[in-house]
Protein backbone atom coordinates (compact mmCIF):
# COMPACT_ATOMS: atom_id res chain seq x y z
CA MET A 1 27.10 -11.88 -12.57
CA ARG A 2 28.26 -9.75 -9.77
CA LYS A 3 24.83 -8.05 -9.32
CA ARG A 4 23.11 -11.41 -9.13
CA LYS A 5 25.72 -12.43 -6.35
CA THR A 6 25.02 -9.29 -4.46
CA ARG A 7 21.23 -9.95 -4.59
CA ALA A 8 21.69 -13.53 -3.41
CA ALA A 9 23.83 -12.30 -0.56
CA GLU A 10 21.24 -9.78 0.49
CA GLN A 11 18.61 -12.47 0.51
CA ARG A 12 20.65 -14.95 2.42
CA GLY A 13 21.57 -12.32 4.96
CA GLN A 14 17.93 -11.22 5.56
CA ALA A 15 16.86 -14.83 5.88
CA ALA A 16 19.64 -15.65 8.30
CA SER A 17 18.85 -12.60 10.45
CA ALA A 18 15.75 -14.16 12.11
CA PRO A 19 16.70 -16.34 15.03
CA ALA A 20 15.60 -20.01 14.83
CA GLY A 21 12.19 -20.44 16.56
CA VAL A 22 11.31 -16.76 16.59
CA ALA A 23 8.24 -15.81 14.63
CA GLY A 24 8.74 -12.68 12.53
CA PRO A 25 7.95 -11.15 9.17
CA ALA A 26 8.53 -13.42 6.12
CA ARG A 27 9.27 -12.26 2.56
CA SER A 28 5.87 -13.16 1.24
CA LEU A 29 4.75 -10.03 -0.51
CA ARG A 30 5.12 -9.59 -4.37
CA VAL A 31 5.96 -6.19 -5.87
CA ILE A 32 2.48 -6.18 -7.43
CA ASP A 33 0.98 -6.50 -3.96
CA VAL A 34 3.00 -3.48 -2.65
CA VAL A 35 1.96 -1.35 -5.58
CA ALA A 36 -1.65 -2.38 -5.01
CA LEU A 37 -1.40 -1.46 -1.33
CA THR A 38 0.33 1.91 -2.01
CA VAL A 39 -2.05 2.89 -4.71
CA GLY A 40 -4.95 1.84 -2.54
CA VAL A 41 -3.96 3.98 0.31
CA VAL A 42 -3.16 7.11 -1.67
CA LEU A 43 -6.05 6.78 -4.31
CA GLY A 44 -8.73 7.26 -1.64
CA ALA A 45 -11.90 9.10 -1.30
CA GLY A 46 -10.09 12.44 -1.25
CA ILE A 47 -9.86 12.67 -5.09
CA PHE A 48 -13.63 12.93 -5.13
CA LYS A 49 -13.74 15.94 -2.89
CA ALA A 50 -10.20 17.77 -2.93
CA PRO A 51 -10.37 18.85 -6.62
CA SER A 52 -13.23 21.23 -6.00
CA LEU A 53 -11.41 22.76 -2.95
CA VAL A 54 -8.24 23.16 -4.96
CA ALA A 55 -10.12 24.76 -7.96
CA ALA A 56 -11.59 27.31 -5.54
CA GLN A 57 -8.11 28.44 -4.59
CA VAL A 58 -6.40 28.76 -8.05
CA GLY A 59 -6.91 31.20 -10.96
CA SER A 60 -6.74 29.25 -14.13
CA GLU A 61 -6.97 25.71 -15.45
CA GLY A 62 -3.24 25.62 -16.05
CA ALA A 63 -2.68 26.45 -12.41
CA LEU A 64 -5.08 23.71 -11.34
CA LEU A 65 -3.13 21.02 -13.30
CA LEU A 66 0.16 22.46 -12.18
CA VAL A 67 -0.50 22.27 -8.43
CA TRP A 68 -1.55 18.64 -8.88
CA LEU A 69 1.70 18.04 -10.85
CA LEU A 70 3.66 19.77 -8.09
CA GLY A 71 2.03 17.45 -5.60
CA GLY A 72 3.23 14.45 -7.44
CA VAL A 73 6.76 15.87 -7.73
CA ALA A 74 6.78 16.60 -3.98
CA SER A 75 5.53 13.11 -3.21
CA LEU A 76 8.14 11.68 -5.49
CA VAL A 77 10.92 13.57 -3.58
CA GLY A 78 9.68 12.07 -0.33
CA ALA A 79 9.44 8.64 -1.88
CA LEU A 80 13.05 8.83 -2.91
CA CYS A 81 14.08 9.49 0.58
CA TYR A 82 12.00 6.65 1.86
CA ALA A 83 13.32 4.30 -0.79
CA GLU A 84 16.83 4.70 0.41
CA LEU A 85 15.93 4.18 4.17
CA ALA A 86 13.53 1.23 3.35
CA SER A 87 16.00 -0.56 1.07
CA ALA A 88 19.05 -0.05 3.52
CA TRP A 89 17.18 -0.98 6.64
CA PRO A 90 13.98 -3.09 5.86
CA HIS A 91 11.84 -3.47 8.91
CA PRO A 92 8.05 -3.72 9.83
CA GLY A 93 8.39 -0.60 11.87
CA GLY A 94 8.96 1.59 8.87
CA ASP A 95 9.37 5.16 10.19
CA TYR A 96 9.57 3.90 13.75
CA HIS A 97 12.63 1.97 12.92
CA PHE A 98 14.37 4.84 10.99
CA LEU A 99 13.75 7.25 13.78
CA HIS A 100 15.00 4.66 16.51
CA ARG A 101 18.11 4.01 14.61
CA ALA A 102 18.98 7.61 13.75
CA LEU A 103 17.55 9.74 16.73
CA GLY A 104 17.19 7.30 19.53
CA GLN A 105 14.27 5.77 21.57
CA GLY A 106 12.55 9.06 22.56
CA PRO A 107 11.39 10.26 19.17
CA ALA A 108 10.63 6.73 17.98
CA PHE A 109 8.55 5.96 21.21
CA LEU A 110 6.61 9.20 20.65
CA PHE A 111 6.01 8.40 17.01
CA ALA A 112 4.75 4.90 17.82
CA TRP A 113 2.45 6.47 20.51
CA ALA A 114 1.12 8.83 17.95
CA ARG A 115 0.56 5.97 15.52
CA LEU A 116 -1.29 3.95 18.13
CA THR A 117 -3.68 6.72 19.31
CA VAL A 118 -3.99 9.21 16.32
CA ILE A 119 -2.88 8.64 12.76
CA PRO A 120 -3.87 5.14 11.47
CA THR A 121 -6.61 4.49 13.95
CA GLY A 122 -8.27 7.85 13.19
CA SER A 123 -7.82 7.28 9.55
CA ILE A 124 -9.39 3.90 9.59
CA ALA A 125 -12.43 5.28 11.62
CA LEU A 126 -12.85 8.12 9.29
CA LEU A 127 -12.67 6.03 6.11
CA ALA A 128 -15.12 3.59 7.62
CA PHE A 129 -17.60 6.57 8.11
CA VAL A 130 -17.04 7.62 4.59
CA PHE A 131 -18.04 4.12 3.46
CA GLY A 132 -21.01 4.35 5.91
CA ASP A 133 -22.25 7.57 4.58
CA TYR A 134 -22.22 6.44 0.90
CA ALA A 135 -23.55 2.92 1.65
CA SER A 136 -26.38 4.38 3.56
CA GLN A 137 -27.47 6.25 0.57
CA LEU A 138 -27.83 2.92 -1.35
CA ALA A 139 -29.19 0.73 1.41
CA PRO A 140 -30.19 2.64 4.59
CA LEU A 141 -30.29 0.72 7.87
CA GLY A 142 -32.02 3.20 10.20
CA PRO A 143 -31.07 6.42 12.12
CA TYR A 144 -27.55 5.02 12.98
CA SER A 145 -27.05 3.46 9.49
CA SER A 146 -23.73 5.20 8.77
CA SER A 147 -22.28 4.16 12.26
CA ALA A 148 -23.59 0.57 11.77
CA TYR A 149 -21.81 0.22 8.43
CA ALA A 150 -18.60 1.95 9.90
CA ALA A 151 -18.35 -0.64 12.77
CA ALA A 152 -18.98 -3.44 10.37
CA VAL A 153 -16.10 -2.25 8.20
CA VAL A 154 -13.70 -2.00 11.16
CA VAL A 155 -14.67 -5.38 12.49
CA GLY A 156 -14.74 -7.08 9.07
CA LEU A 157 -11.42 -5.64 7.77
CA THR A 158 -9.60 -6.39 11.08
CA ALA A 159 -10.91 -9.94 11.09
CA MET A 160 -9.81 -10.55 7.54
CA ASN A 161 -6.28 -9.24 8.11
CA VAL A 162 -6.09 -11.29 11.30
CA ALA A 163 -6.97 -14.37 9.28
CA GLY A 164 -3.72 -13.97 7.26
CA LEU A 165 -1.63 -11.66 5.10
CA ARG A 166 -2.77 -13.47 1.89
CA GLN A 167 -6.45 -12.75 2.49
CA GLY A 168 -5.67 -9.11 3.22
CA THR A 169 -3.57 -8.62 0.06
CA ARG A 170 -5.99 -10.52 -2.15
CA ALA A 171 -8.79 -8.34 -1.12
CA GLN A 172 -6.58 -5.14 -1.47
CA ASN A 173 -5.57 -6.13 -5.06
CA LEU A 174 -9.22 -6.68 -5.88
CA LEU A 175 -10.50 -3.40 -4.27
CA THR A 176 -7.49 -1.43 -5.81
CA ALA A 177 -8.38 -2.80 -9.40
CA LEU A 178 -12.07 -1.76 -8.92
CA GLU A 179 -10.98 1.72 -7.66
CA VAL A 180 -8.67 2.33 -10.57
CA LEU A 181 -11.40 1.16 -13.01
CA GLY A 182 -13.88 3.53 -11.38
CA VAL A 183 -11.49 6.40 -11.58
CA GLY A 184 -10.86 5.46 -15.22
CA ALA A 185 -14.61 5.56 -15.90
CA ILE A 186 -14.71 9.13 -14.48
CA ILE A 187 -11.88 10.10 -16.89
CA VAL A 188 -13.59 8.60 -19.87
CA ALA A 189 -16.95 10.34 -18.88
CA GLY A 190 -15.35 13.76 -18.44
CA LEU A 191 -13.19 13.55 -21.56
CA LEU A 192 -15.52 11.83 -23.93
CA LEU A 193 -19.11 11.75 -22.81
CA ALA A 194 -19.87 14.84 -20.81
CA PRO A 195 -21.01 17.90 -22.78
CA ALA A 196 -18.68 20.95 -22.53
CA PRO A 197 -19.87 23.64 -19.98
CA SER A 198 -22.42 26.10 -21.45
CA GLN A 199 -20.14 28.99 -20.48
CA PRO A 200 -16.49 28.98 -21.57
CA PRO A 201 -14.23 28.39 -18.44
CA ALA A 202 -12.25 31.51 -19.18
CA ALA A 203 -15.35 33.78 -18.96
CA ALA A 204 -16.88 31.97 -16.05
CA SER A 205 -16.97 33.91 -12.76
CA GLY A 206 -15.90 32.65 -9.37
CA ALA A 207 -12.17 32.54 -9.89
CA PRO A 208 -10.30 33.87 -6.86
CA ALA A 209 -8.79 37.47 -7.11
CA SER A 210 -5.53 36.20 -5.54
CA PRO A 211 -4.79 32.48 -5.86
CA ALA A 212 -4.00 30.93 -2.47
CA TRP A 213 -1.17 28.49 -3.64
CA GLY A 214 -0.17 27.56 -0.07
CA LEU A 215 -3.81 26.39 0.82
CA ALA A 216 -4.18 24.68 -2.53
CA MET A 217 -1.02 22.65 -1.93
CA ILE A 218 -2.25 21.57 1.55
CA PHE A 219 -5.29 19.95 0.07
CA VAL A 220 -3.38 18.45 -2.81
CA LEU A 221 -0.72 16.85 -0.57
CA LEU A 222 -3.32 15.53 1.82
CA THR A 223 -4.84 13.81 -1.23
CA TYR A 224 -1.48 12.40 -2.15
CA GLY A 225 -0.82 11.31 1.50
CA GLY A 226 -0.36 7.75 2.66
CA TRP A 227 2.33 6.37 0.38
CA ASN A 228 4.88 6.30 3.24
CA GLU A 229 2.86 3.45 4.70
CA VAL A 230 4.64 1.09 2.40
CA ALA A 231 7.91 1.40 4.50
CA CYS A 232 6.19 -0.91 6.97
CA LEU A 233 6.17 -3.72 4.59
CA SER A 234 9.85 -3.39 3.60
CA ALA A 235 10.84 -6.63 5.48
CA GLU A 236 8.10 -8.65 3.72
CA VAL A 237 8.82 -7.88 0.03
CA ARG A 238 10.35 -10.69 -2.14
CA GLY A 239 13.41 -10.16 -4.29
CA SER A 240 16.16 -7.82 -3.65
CA ARG A 241 16.03 -4.72 -1.43
CA ARG A 242 15.61 -2.55 -4.47
CA SER A 243 12.23 -4.23 -5.15
CA LEU A 244 10.33 -1.99 -2.62
CA ALA A 245 12.05 1.25 -3.82
CA TRP A 246 10.97 0.65 -7.51
CA ALA A 247 7.50 -0.42 -6.27
CA LEU A 248 7.17 2.76 -4.33
CA LEU A 249 8.31 5.04 -7.17
CA ALA A 250 6.04 3.21 -9.68
CA SER A 251 3.11 3.78 -7.32
CA ILE A 252 3.77 7.46 -7.05
CA GLY A 253 3.88 7.64 -10.90
CA VAL A 254 0.61 5.71 -11.29
CA VAL A 255 -1.17 7.83 -8.86
CA THR A 256 0.25 11.19 -10.29
CA ALA A 257 -0.90 10.17 -13.84
CA LEU A 258 -4.39 9.32 -12.53
CA TYR A 259 -4.76 12.55 -10.50
CA LEU A 260 -3.81 14.61 -13.58
CA LEU A 261 -6.19 12.78 -15.94
CA VAL A 262 -9.14 12.92 -13.45
CA ASN A 263 -8.59 16.66 -12.90
CA TRP A 264 -8.45 17.27 -16.68
CA ALA A 265 -11.76 15.27 -16.98
CA TYR A 266 -13.31 17.53 -14.26
CA LEU A 267 -12.18 20.59 -16.09
CA ARG A 268 -13.47 19.25 -19.45
CA GLY A 269 -16.88 18.39 -18.09
CA LEU A 270 -17.51 21.17 -15.45
CA GLY A 271 -15.06 24.00 -16.16
CA LEU A 272 -12.91 25.63 -13.46
CA ALA A 273 -15.78 27.70 -11.90
CA GLY A 274 -18.05 24.56 -12.01
CA MET A 275 -15.45 22.60 -10.12
CA GLY A 276 -14.86 25.35 -7.54
CA SER A 277 -18.57 25.66 -6.73
CA SER A 278 -19.32 21.96 -6.60
CA GLU A 279 -20.00 20.13 -3.42
CA ALA A 280 -19.57 16.66 -5.05
CA VAL A 281 -17.47 17.18 -8.16
CA ALA A 282 -17.36 13.53 -9.27
CA ALA A 283 -21.05 13.05 -8.83
CA ASP A 284 -21.86 16.23 -10.72
CA LEU A 285 -19.64 15.21 -13.63
CA MET A 286 -21.10 11.77 -13.85
CA ARG A 287 -24.72 13.31 -13.63
CA ARG A 288 -23.84 15.45 -16.67
CA ALA A 289 -22.31 12.50 -18.52
CA LEU A 290 -24.80 9.67 -17.73
CA GLY A 291 -27.68 11.25 -15.79
CA SER A 292 -28.96 10.11 -12.34
CA ARG A 293 -27.56 6.52 -12.82
CA GLY A 294 -24.09 8.15 -13.13
CA ALA A 295 -24.41 9.90 -9.91
CA GLN A 296 -25.59 6.85 -8.22
CA ALA A 297 -22.58 4.85 -9.57
CA ILE A 298 -20.31 7.37 -7.87
CA SER A 299 -21.73 6.56 -4.57
CA VAL A 300 -20.61 3.00 -5.15
CA LEU A 301 -17.24 4.12 -6.35
CA VAL A 302 -16.56 6.37 -3.31
CA ALA A 303 -17.63 3.48 -1.02
CA VAL A 304 -15.21 1.19 -2.74
CA SER A 305 -12.39 3.76 -2.53
CA ALA A 306 -12.95 4.35 1.18
CA LEU A 307 -12.96 0.52 1.79
CA THR A 308 -9.74 0.18 -0.32
CA SER A 309 -7.89 2.77 1.76
CA ALA A 310 -9.31 1.51 5.03
CA ASN A 311 -8.07 -2.02 4.25
CA ALA A 312 -4.54 -0.82 3.27
CA THR A 313 -4.42 1.33 6.37
CA VAL A 314 -5.49 -1.65 8.70
CA LEU A 315 -2.78 -3.97 7.04
CA THR A 316 0.13 -1.34 7.23
CA GLY A 317 -0.82 0.36 10.54
CA ALA A 318 -0.46 -2.51 12.75
CA ARG A 319 3.19 -3.26 11.54
CA THR A 320 4.42 -0.11 13.47
CA GLN A 321 2.84 -1.30 16.67
CA TYR A 322 4.36 -4.79 16.21
CA ALA A 323 7.85 -3.24 16.07
CA PHE A 324 7.03 -0.97 18.85
CA GLY A 325 6.05 -3.87 21.09
CA ARG A 326 9.32 -5.73 20.39
CA ASP A 327 11.12 -2.81 21.93
CA SER A 328 8.84 -1.61 24.65
CA VAL A 329 8.14 -2.81 28.24
CA LEU A 330 4.88 -1.10 28.64
CA PHE A 331 3.49 -2.25 25.24
CA LYS A 332 5.28 -5.57 24.79
CA GLY A 333 2.06 -7.47 24.28
CA LEU A 334 1.85 -5.81 20.79
CA GLY A 335 5.10 -7.54 19.65
CA HIS A 336 3.53 -10.85 18.84
CA TRP A 337 3.76 -12.19 15.27
CA HIS A 338 1.56 -15.14 14.13
CA ALA A 339 3.80 -17.31 12.10
CA ARG A 340 1.24 -19.11 10.17
CA ALA A 341 -0.99 -16.19 9.26
CA HIS A 342 2.15 -13.85 8.65
CA THR A 343 0.39 -10.97 10.69
CA PRO A 344 0.85 -9.13 13.88
CA THR A 345 -2.35 -10.40 15.35
CA ARG A 346 -2.39 -8.57 18.75
CA ALA A 347 -1.45 -5.26 17.11
CA LEU A 348 -4.21 -5.73 14.61
CA LEU A 349 -6.79 -6.41 17.33
CA VAL A 350 -5.69 -3.40 19.38
CA GLN A 351 -5.68 -1.25 16.53
CA GLY A 352 -9.17 -2.47 15.54
CA ALA A 353 -10.56 -1.88 19.05
CA LEU A 354 -9.21 1.75 19.12
CA ALA A 355 -10.65 2.44 15.69
CA LEU A 356 -14.04 0.99 16.89
CA ALA A 357 -13.94 3.26 19.90
CA LEU A 358 -13.56 6.24 17.51
CA VAL A 359 -16.43 5.06 15.53
CA GLY A 360 -18.48 5.17 18.79
CA LEU A 361 -17.13 8.68 19.43
CA GLY A 362 -18.15 9.77 15.93
CA THR A 363 -21.66 8.42 16.50
CA VAL A 364 -22.00 10.66 19.54
CA THR A 365 -20.58 13.90 17.93
CA ARG A 366 -19.64 14.08 14.27
CA GLN A 367 -18.28 17.63 14.89
CA GLY A 368 -15.75 16.15 17.20
CA PHE A 369 -14.62 13.92 14.53
CA GLN A 370 -13.79 16.85 12.29
CA THR A 371 -11.52 18.28 15.05
CA MET A 372 -9.83 14.93 15.33
CA VAL A 373 -9.04 14.96 11.62
CA GLU A 374 -7.48 18.44 12.07
CA TYR A 375 -5.18 17.50 14.91
CA THR A 376 -3.65 14.57 12.98
CA ALA A 377 -2.13 16.99 10.51
CA PRO A 378 0.53 18.50 12.74
CA VAL A 379 1.55 15.23 14.11
CA PHE A 380 1.88 13.70 10.71
CA TRP A 381 4.03 16.36 9.31
CA LEU A 382 6.24 16.60 12.40
CA PHE A 383 7.29 13.00 12.20
CA PHE A 384 7.52 13.25 8.45
CA LEU A 385 10.15 15.92 8.84
CA LEU A 386 11.99 13.97 11.51
CA THR A 387 12.13 10.90 9.14
CA GLY A 388 13.88 13.19 6.54
CA VAL A 389 16.22 14.27 9.10
CA SER A 390 16.98 10.61 9.90
CA LEU A 391 18.29 10.04 6.38
CA LEU A 392 20.80 12.82 6.79
CA VAL A 393 21.93 11.57 10.18
CA LEU A 394 22.27 7.97 8.97
CA ARG A 395 24.32 9.09 6.04
CA VAL A 396 26.85 10.61 8.48
CA ARG A 397 26.67 7.97 11.30
CA GLU A 398 26.66 4.86 9.06
CA PRO A 399 28.36 5.94 5.84
CA ARG A 400 29.45 2.30 4.94
CA ALA A 401 26.05 0.69 5.41
CA PRO A 402 24.83 -1.03 2.32
CA ARG A 403 22.43 1.10 0.41
CA PRO A 404 20.92 -0.74 -2.59
CA PHE A 405 19.10 2.44 -3.50
CA ARG A 406 20.65 5.93 -2.94
CA VAL A 407 18.74 9.18 -3.16
CA PRO A 408 19.76 11.14 -6.28
CA LEU A 409 21.17 14.69 -5.91
CA TYR A 410 22.01 14.21 -2.27
CA PRO A 411 21.77 16.34 0.00
CA LEU A 412 19.49 18.46 -2.10
CA THR A 413 16.63 16.00 -2.29
CA PRO A 414 16.20 15.21 1.37
CA LEU A 415 16.73 19.02 2.23
CA LEU A 416 13.90 19.83 -0.13
CA PHE A 417 11.71 17.10 1.53
CA ILE A 418 12.50 18.50 4.93
CA ALA A 419 11.73 22.01 3.88
CA THR A 420 8.41 20.89 2.45
CA CYS A 421 7.42 19.13 5.57
CA ALA A 422 8.40 22.09 7.76
CA TYR A 423 6.23 24.39 5.64
CA LEU A 424 3.24 22.01 5.92
CA LEU A 425 3.85 21.63 9.62
CA TYR A 426 3.66 25.36 10.10
CA SER A 427 0.56 25.57 7.94
CA SER A 428 -1.13 22.83 9.80
CA LEU A 429 -0.43 24.44 13.12
CA ALA A 430 -1.66 27.82 11.80
CA TYR A 431 -4.91 26.54 10.45
CA ALA A 432 -5.79 23.67 12.82
CA GLY A 433 -6.69 25.92 15.96
CA LEU A 434 -7.85 23.81 18.76
CA GLY A 435 -6.90 20.57 16.86
CA SER A 436 -3.17 21.51 17.23
CA ILE A 437 -3.65 21.76 21.03
CA ALA A 438 -5.20 18.34 21.16
CA SER A 439 -2.24 16.91 19.11
CA LEU A 440 0.12 18.51 21.61
CA ALA A 441 -1.78 16.93 24.47
CA VAL A 442 -1.50 13.52 22.86
CA LEU A 443 2.31 13.83 22.40
CA GLY A 444 2.54 15.11 26.06
CA THR A 445 0.82 11.97 27.23
CA GLY A 446 3.27 9.91 25.18
CA GLY A 447 6.04 11.92 26.86
CA VAL A 448 4.84 10.85 30.36
CA LEU A 449 4.69 7.17 29.24
CA LEU A 450 8.16 7.47 27.86
CA ILE A 451 9.42 8.48 31.22
CA VAL A 452 7.61 5.48 32.84
CA GLU A 453 9.08 3.24 30.14
CA GLN A 454 12.72 4.40 30.87
CA VAL A 455 12.28 3.95 34.53
CA ARG A 456 10.97 0.45 34.05
CA ARG A 457 13.94 -0.39 31.91
CA GLY A 458 16.44 0.92 34.46
CA GLY A 459 17.09 4.40 33.33
CA ARG A 460 20.82 4.61 32.10
CA ALA A 461 20.84 0.98 30.96
CA ARG A 462 17.87 1.57 28.72
CA ALA A 463 19.40 4.87 27.30
CA ARG A 464 22.54 3.06 26.48
CA VAL A 465 20.79 0.21 24.64
CA SER A 466 18.68 2.69 22.61
CA ARG A 467 21.82 4.36 21.11
CA GLU A 468 23.31 1.13 20.01
CA PRO A 469 22.84 0.16 16.33
CA LEU A 470 20.20 -2.56 15.86
CA SER A 471 21.56 -6.09 15.24
CA SER A 472 20.10 -6.58 11.87
CA PRO A 473 17.81 -4.96 9.26
CA VAL A 474 14.88 -6.90 10.48
CA GLN A 475 15.43 -7.77 14.06
CA HIS A 476 15.95 -5.63 17.21
CA PRO A 477 18.72 -6.27 19.90
CA LYS A 478 16.07 -7.72 22.07
CA GLU A 479 15.24 -10.32 19.40
CA ALA A 480 18.84 -11.26 18.81
CA THR A 481 19.25 -12.18 22.37
């Protein structure tokens, strides 16, 4: 009875936090919608390429499965940290809101700037190109076929999500179901239909003399990446605040199980050496199991996977920009919420325009696109690390804040998450080369805009407001006035 009263109080409190007449996020997402979005973001096209890269870095089949299991555990550790933050302070800004509350306006502003110019927009464009590459194999449209498909994906997905949240989530649920069924088909083909490799994996050549565990983990965790996007939906989930936490943890469990099974299928059908030397591991497996038709089916599956991840990134990416616009003077136009469609319409349109511009850039030089992918890694891991720090800061600064979900084994769990992020930040800076310089240039530009923002807000007055706690889990002080 007491538990029911607590949940009811939470729901009444969140409903009452939105001022009358002010459009804002509504609790319209079901848990199954959140799981579909999270699985759709994570279970992207990477699982059809990364396993061969990982296999080339490890020394045995057991080591291969172990690194994929460790990737799931590392993702689960991070998800536990995000579950506490999102359940305690649900907000469409996600990481932006946590950074704003714990570390102030500066880091939050830079994070939002990076989100606007680098992370989701670049991901949308790249996923659109992946779709275009595979769609062009099935139905070519001419010399610029891939670019034409990519542009159509950006425009189509943006328009669908502008039309309404329900349209976006329905499409996501369908695409995620197709994607999971496709991965399931690969698992069945590898475990039951494909003939065993002619040479036993243990005797096959090509295993590395000294396994590169660090590089293997970078590939693995990149494939697991994207689950943190669900934090942007925390203010829109039905039920108690625990709902999002359990949806996030369930999603990580589903993805980890699928990744282990699909890698086991690759091993069963190709062997470790065959995986490590493959340029298209999923296509090679399906060709062994079902012939040329199986390889063609993989093109369809990869295209669907890219479309699934792109749609989820479009839907979640604009939420941060909406929250940013509610706080910012320079970018206040982004802080508009369409009450009937339940979407941040302007943020979606700006995000789509930037992603479309990146598609144009990719049409001119695909090599430049590869560099753009590299420079996103340092930015991503830097702010991931700072979000982990935010959890520690908020435990000290706001010890009595209601926390429906608490990180187990605190503070060991967040410290492990922070250490993992620090290691991957170092690795991304060490391997990215010129890409890391580009990412620093982007953040430097954001720093200049931050100074302009503070001047526009009146210097000290703005700094004082940025340190004050936000008025509610969903609304900023600006909204409360």
